[in-house]
C-alpha atoms as a PDB file:
ATOM      1  CA  UNK A   1     101.707  51.938 169.127  1.00  0.00           C
ATOM      2  CA  UNK A   2     102.533  48.834 167.138  1.00  0.00           C
ATOM      3  CA  UNK A   3     101.262  47.445 163.824  1.00  0.00           C
ATOM      4  CA  UNK A   4     101.069  43.760 163.278  1.00  0.00           C
ATOM      5  CA  UNK A   5     101.928  42.198 159.917  1.00  0.00           C
ATOM      6  CA  UNK A   6     102.145  38.551 158.939  1.00  0.00           C
ATOM      7  CA  UNK A   7     105.936  38.832 159.189  1.00  0.00           C
ATOM      8  CA  UNK A   8     105.858  40.207 162.653  1.00  0.00           C
ATOM      9  CA  UNK A   9     105.603  43.442 164.527  1.00  0.00           C
ATOM     10  CA  UNK A  10     106.559  46.726 162.810  1.00  0.00           C
ATOM     11  CA  UNK A  11     106.989  49.963 164.638  1.00  0.00           C
ATOM     12  CA  UNK A  12     104.840  52.893 163.699  1.00  0.00           C
ATOM     13  CA  UNK A  13     107.869  54.897 162.571  1.00  0.00           C
ATOM     14  CA  UNK A  14     108.818  52.116 160.154  1.00  0.00           C
ATOM     15  CA  UNK A  15     105.268  52.022 158.795  1.00  0.00           C
ATOM     16  CA  UNK A  16     105.389  55.750 158.029  1.00  0.00           C
ATOM     17  CA  UNK A  17     108.661  55.292 156.188  1.00  0.00           C
ATOM     18  CA  UNK A  18     107.177  52.428 154.175  1.00  0.00           C
ATOM     19  CA  UNK A  19     104.116  54.480 153.232  1.00  0.00           C
ATOM     20  CA  UNK A  20     106.295  57.465 152.311  1.00  0.00           C
ATOM     21  CA  UNK A  21     108.479  55.299 150.059  1.00  0.00           C
ATOM     22  CA  UNK A  22     105.452  53.905 148.248  1.00  0.00           C
ATOM     23  CA  UNK A  23     104.020  57.409 147.844  1.00  0.00           C
ATOM     24  CA  UNK A  24     107.377  58.705 146.617  1.00  0.00           C
ATOM     25  CA  UNK A  25     107.674  55.948 143.987  1.00  0.00           C
ATOM     26  CA  UNK A  26     104.087  56.424 142.887  1.00  0.00           C
ATOM     27  CA  UNK A  27     104.599  60.187 142.473  1.00  0.00           C
ATOM     28  CA  UNK A  28     107.851  59.552 140.613  1.00  0.00           C
ATOM     29  CA  UNK A  29     106.181  57.151 138.173  1.00  0.00           C
ATOM     30  CA  UNK A  30     103.193  59.477 137.590  1.00  0.00           C
ATOM     31  CA  UNK A  31     105.556  62.443 137.057  1.00  0.00           C
ATOM     32  CA  UNK A  32     107.633  60.520 134.520  1.00  0.00           C
ATOM     33  CA  UNK A  33     104.505  59.472 132.635  1.00  0.00           C
ATOM     34  CA  UNK A  34     103.217  63.051 132.526  1.00  0.00           C
ATOM     35  CA  UNK A  35     106.591  64.396 131.406  1.00  0.00           C
ATOM     36  CA  UNK A  36     106.785  61.673 128.774  1.00  0.00           C
ATOM     37  CA  UNK A  37     103.349  62.498 127.400  1.00  0.00           C
ATOM     38  CA  UNK A  38     103.875  66.242 127.190  1.00  0.00           C
ATOM     39  CA  UNK A  39     107.461  66.146 125.957  1.00  0.00           C
ATOM     40  CA  UNK A  40     106.483  64.346 122.753  1.00  0.00           C
ATOM     41  CA  UNK A  41     106.165  67.003 120.080  1.00  0.00           C
ATOM     42  CA  UNK A  42     103.697  66.426 117.307  1.00  0.00           C
ATOM     43  CA  UNK A  43     105.444  65.928 113.977  1.00  0.00           C
ATOM     44  CA  UNK A  44     104.230  68.853 111.916  1.00  0.00           C
ATOM     45  CA  UNK A  45     106.796  68.462 109.177  1.00  0.00           C
ATOM     46  CA  UNK A  46     105.284  68.331 105.737  1.00  0.00           C
ATOM     47  CA  UNK A  47     106.249  69.098 102.198  1.00  0.00           C
ATOM     48  CA  UNK A  48     105.592  72.839 102.583  1.00  0.00           C
ATOM     49  CA  UNK A  49     109.198  73.415 103.677  1.00  0.00           C
ATOM     50  CA  UNK A  50     110.563  71.831 100.521  1.00  0.00           C
ATOM     51  CA  UNK A  51     107.653  72.170  98.094  1.00  0.00           C
ATOM     52  CA  UNK A  52     108.338  75.214  95.921  1.00  0.00           C
ATOM     53  CA  UNK A  53     104.680  75.268  94.884  1.00  0.00           C
ATOM     54  CA  UNK A  54     103.695  76.682  98.272  1.00  0.00           C
ATOM     55  CA  UNK A  55     105.335  79.963  97.228  1.00  0.00           C
ATOM     56  CA  UNK A  56     102.587  80.358  94.618  1.00  0.00           C
ATOM     57  CA  UNK A  57      99.603  79.641  96.828  1.00  0.00           C
ATOM     58  CA  UNK A  58      97.215  82.516  97.264  1.00  0.00           C
ATOM     59  CA  UNK A  59      95.789  85.490  95.446  1.00  0.00           C
ATOM     60  CA  UNK A  60      97.535  87.119  92.463  1.00  0.00           C
ATOM     61  CA  UNK A  61      96.700  90.208  90.411  1.00  0.00           C
ATOM     62  CA  UNK A  62      96.586  89.493  86.687  1.00  0.00           C
ATOM     63  CA  UNK A  63      97.300  92.131  84.042  1.00  0.00           C
ATOM     64  CA  UNK A  64      96.393  90.539  80.747  1.00  0.00           C
ATOM     65  CA  UNK A  65      96.639  91.773  77.167  1.00  0.00           C
ATOM     66  CA  UNK A  66      95.269  90.282  73.955  1.00  0.00           C
ATOM     67  CA  UNK A  67      94.468  91.582  70.464  1.00  0.00           C
ATOM     68  CA  UNK A  68      90.749  90.932  70.753  1.00  0.00           C
ATOM     69  CA  UNK A  69      90.101  91.952  74.356  1.00  0.00           C
ATOM     70  CA  UNK A  70      92.841  94.511  74.944  1.00  0.00           C
ATOM     71  CA  UNK A  71      94.029  95.128  78.471  1.00  0.00           C
ATOM     72  CA  UNK A  72      92.178  93.423  81.299  1.00  0.00           C
ATOM     73  CA  UNK A  73      92.828  93.238  85.033  1.00  0.00           C
ATOM     74  CA  UNK A  74      91.427  90.658  87.396  1.00  0.00           C
ATOM     75  CA  UNK A  75      92.427  88.389  90.250  1.00  0.00           C
ATOM     76  CA  UNK A  76      93.407  84.708  90.074  1.00  0.00           C
ATOM     77  CA  UNK A  77      93.772  82.253  92.908  1.00  0.00           C
ATOM     78  CA  UNK A  78      96.551  79.670  92.817  1.00  0.00           C
ATOM     79  CA  UNK A  79      96.250  76.453  94.811  1.00  0.00           C
ATOM     80  CA  UNK A  80      98.230  73.212  94.963  1.00  0.00           C
ATOM     81  CA  UNK A  81      97.180  70.220  92.907  1.00  0.00           C
ATOM     82  CA  UNK A  82      96.685  67.355  95.375  1.00  0.00           C
ATOM     83  CA  UNK A  83      97.298  64.718  92.704  1.00  0.00           C
ATOM     84  CA  UNK A  84     100.450  65.980  90.936  1.00  0.00           C
ATOM     85  CA  UNK A  85     103.280  67.170  93.204  1.00  0.00           C
ATOM     86  CA  UNK A  86     104.667  69.402  90.433  1.00  0.00           C
ATOM     87  CA  UNK A  87     101.373  71.089  89.544  1.00  0.00           C
ATOM     88  CA  UNK A  88      99.234  74.024  90.586  1.00  0.00           C
ATOM     89  CA  UNK A  89      95.671  75.040  89.775  1.00  0.00           C
ATOM     90  CA  UNK A  90      94.899  78.588  88.639  1.00  0.00           C
ATOM     91  CA  UNK A  91      91.268  79.542  89.212  1.00  0.00           C
ATOM     92  CA  UNK A  92      89.707  82.331  87.137  1.00  0.00           C
ATOM     93  CA  UNK A  93      92.298  81.698  84.411  1.00  0.00           C
ATOM     94  CA  UNK A  94      91.659  84.000  81.396  1.00  0.00           C
ATOM     95  CA  UNK A  95      89.012  85.696  83.540  1.00  0.00           C
ATOM     96  CA  UNK A  96      86.448  82.926  82.956  1.00  0.00           C
ATOM     97  CA  UNK A  97      85.264  82.627  86.544  1.00  0.00           C
ATOM     98  CA  UNK A  98      86.543  81.602  89.949  1.00  0.00           C
ATOM     99  CA  UNK A  99      85.145  78.084  89.857  1.00  0.00           C
ATOM    100  CA  UNK A 100      87.054  77.323  86.637  1.00  0.00           C
ATOM    101  CA  UNK A 101      90.737  76.583  86.746  1.00  0.00           C
ATOM    102  CA  UNK A 102      93.702  75.789  84.527  1.00  0.00           C
ATOM    103  CA  UNK A 103      96.306  73.183  85.346  1.00  0.00           C
ATOM    104  CA  UNK A 104      99.998  74.203  85.246  1.00  0.00           C
ATOM    105  CA  UNK A 105     103.277  72.505  86.099  1.00  0.00           C
ATOM    106  CA  UNK A 106     106.335  74.125  87.608  1.00  0.00           C
ATOM    107  CA  UNK A 107     109.866  73.128  86.691  1.00  0.00           C
ATOM    108  CA  UNK A 108     112.519  75.442  88.091  1.00  0.00           C
ATOM    109  CA  UNK A 109     111.664  78.977  86.969  1.00  0.00           C
ATOM    110  CA  UNK A 110     109.251  77.877  84.222  1.00  0.00           C
ATOM    111  CA  UNK A 111     105.492  77.517  84.558  1.00  0.00           C
ATOM    112  CA  UNK A 112     103.843  75.464  81.791  1.00  0.00           C
ATOM    113  CA  UNK A 113     100.174  75.153  80.920  1.00  0.00           C
ATOM    114  CA  UNK A 114      99.880  71.947  78.880  1.00  0.00           C
ATOM    115  CA  UNK A 115      97.141  71.890  76.269  1.00  0.00           C
ATOM    116  CA  UNK A 116      93.844  71.479  78.090  1.00  0.00           C
ATOM    117  CA  UNK A 117      90.132  72.130  77.785  1.00  0.00           C
ATOM    118  CA  UNK A 118      88.490  74.511  80.202  1.00  0.00           C
ATOM    119  CA  UNK A 119      84.832  75.002  81.014  1.00  0.00           C
ATOM    120  CA  UNK A 120      82.914  76.760  78.280  1.00  0.00           C
ATOM    121  CA  UNK A 121      84.843  75.233  75.376  1.00  0.00           C
ATOM    122  CA  UNK A 122      88.150  77.004  75.933  1.00  0.00           C
ATOM    123  CA  UNK A 123      91.321  75.303  74.704  1.00  0.00           C
ATOM    124  CA  UNK A 124      94.480  76.718  76.290  1.00  0.00           C
ATOM    125  CA  UNK A 125      98.212  76.096  76.418  1.00  0.00           C
ATOM    126  CA  UNK A 126     101.286  78.210  77.095  1.00  0.00           C
ATOM    127  CA  UNK A 127     104.155  78.917  79.422  1.00  0.00           C
ATOM    128  CA  UNK A 128     105.970  81.629  81.294  1.00  0.00           C
ATOM    129  CA  UNK A 129     108.834  82.597  83.532  1.00  0.00           C
ATOM    130  CA  UNK A 130     108.796  82.955  87.294  1.00  0.00           C
ATOM    131  CA  UNK A 131     110.819  85.739  88.928  1.00  0.00           C
ATOM    132  CA  UNK A 132     113.632  84.693  91.264  1.00  0.00           C
ATOM    133  CA  UNK A 133     111.783  86.052  94.318  1.00  0.00           C
ATOM    134  CA  UNK A 134     108.522  84.331  93.283  1.00  0.00           C
ATOM    135  CA  UNK A 135     106.572  87.586  93.236  1.00  0.00           C
ATOM    136  CA  UNK A 136     105.945  87.864  89.476  1.00  0.00           C
ATOM    137  CA  UNK A 137     105.038  85.412  86.726  1.00  0.00           C
ATOM    138  CA  UNK A 138     105.241  86.520  83.075  1.00  0.00           C
ATOM    139  CA  UNK A 139     103.108  84.329  80.812  1.00  0.00           C
ATOM    140  CA  UNK A 140     102.275  83.871  77.148  1.00  0.00           C
ATOM    141  CA  UNK A 141      99.400  81.527  76.435  1.00  0.00           C
ATOM    142  CA  UNK A 142      97.089  80.697  73.603  1.00  0.00           C
ATOM    143  CA  UNK A 143      93.319  80.408  73.805  1.00  0.00           C
ATOM    144  CA  UNK A 144      91.098  78.997  71.069  1.00  0.00           C
ATOM    145  CA  UNK A 145      87.523  77.828  70.423  1.00  0.00           C
ATOM    146  CA  UNK A 146      85.804  80.421  72.530  1.00  0.00           C
ATOM    147  CA  UNK A 147      82.098  80.372  71.755  1.00  0.00           C
ATOM    148  CA  UNK A 148      81.218  82.280  74.950  1.00  0.00           C
ATOM    149  CA  UNK A 149      83.052  85.467  73.928  1.00  0.00           C
ATOM    150  CA  UNK A 150      81.360  86.260  70.632  1.00  0.00           C
ATOM    151  CA  UNK A 151      84.166  88.482  69.339  1.00  0.00           C
ATOM    152  CA  UNK A 152      86.253  85.403  68.522  1.00  0.00           C
ATOM    153  CA  UNK A 153      85.112  82.859  66.004  1.00  0.00           C
ATOM    154  CA  UNK A 154      85.380  79.202  66.945  1.00  0.00           C
ATOM    155  CA  UNK A 155      88.748  77.844  65.862  1.00  0.00           C
ATOM    156  CA  UNK A 156      90.609  81.174  66.000  1.00  0.00           C
ATOM    157  CA  UNK A 157      93.551  81.310  68.367  1.00  0.00           C
ATOM    158  CA  UNK A 158      94.102  84.307  70.594  1.00  0.00           C
ATOM    159  CA  UNK A 159      97.640  85.067  71.818  1.00  0.00           C
ATOM    160  CA  UNK A 160      97.556  86.394  75.359  1.00  0.00           C
ATOM    161  CA  UNK A 161     100.345  87.926  77.429  1.00  0.00           C
ATOM    162  CA  UNK A 162      99.810  88.186  81.148  1.00  0.00           C
ATOM    163  CA  UNK A 163     101.714  89.198  84.248  1.00  0.00           C
ATOM    164  CA  UNK A 164     100.723  87.770  87.602  1.00  0.00           C
ATOM    165  CA  UNK A 165     101.813  89.795  90.616  1.00  0.00           C
ATOM    166  CA  UNK A 166     101.561  88.302  94.114  1.00  0.00           C
ATOM    167  CA  UNK A 167      99.120  90.095  96.435  1.00  0.00           C
END
């Protein structure tokens, strides 16, 4: 059996070889495209590998002591501040509720709460030291103008010591 092309007559055997070559090249190209698509790894690198703040993220137990309120124990939640790459947010700071938070910066092994106003008229500032394994934070901070807790008069400053322990 013969096949006729514009260039002349081609034997059937030659036609099969031609078709096989085209199929082979097509499969090779498709295989390379598939391998190329699946060999590209998504870049998942982010700042979490180098951002020391990620070591603080999560739930912490707080043991707090002050002259007015004595010893108190509650939980705080630390999250990263999306605006400041050196800052964290501590929700339930001073036990005032989970939706309220204090802003703190981290520099080496020191955590600093700059003077700030919190919900309910609280004014706070202070600092503390972070343990080398990032499992404990020892803080001293000052809280004033607390009209919500009636045992303090507005304008008085309460000195608070607290230890945060990672859950």
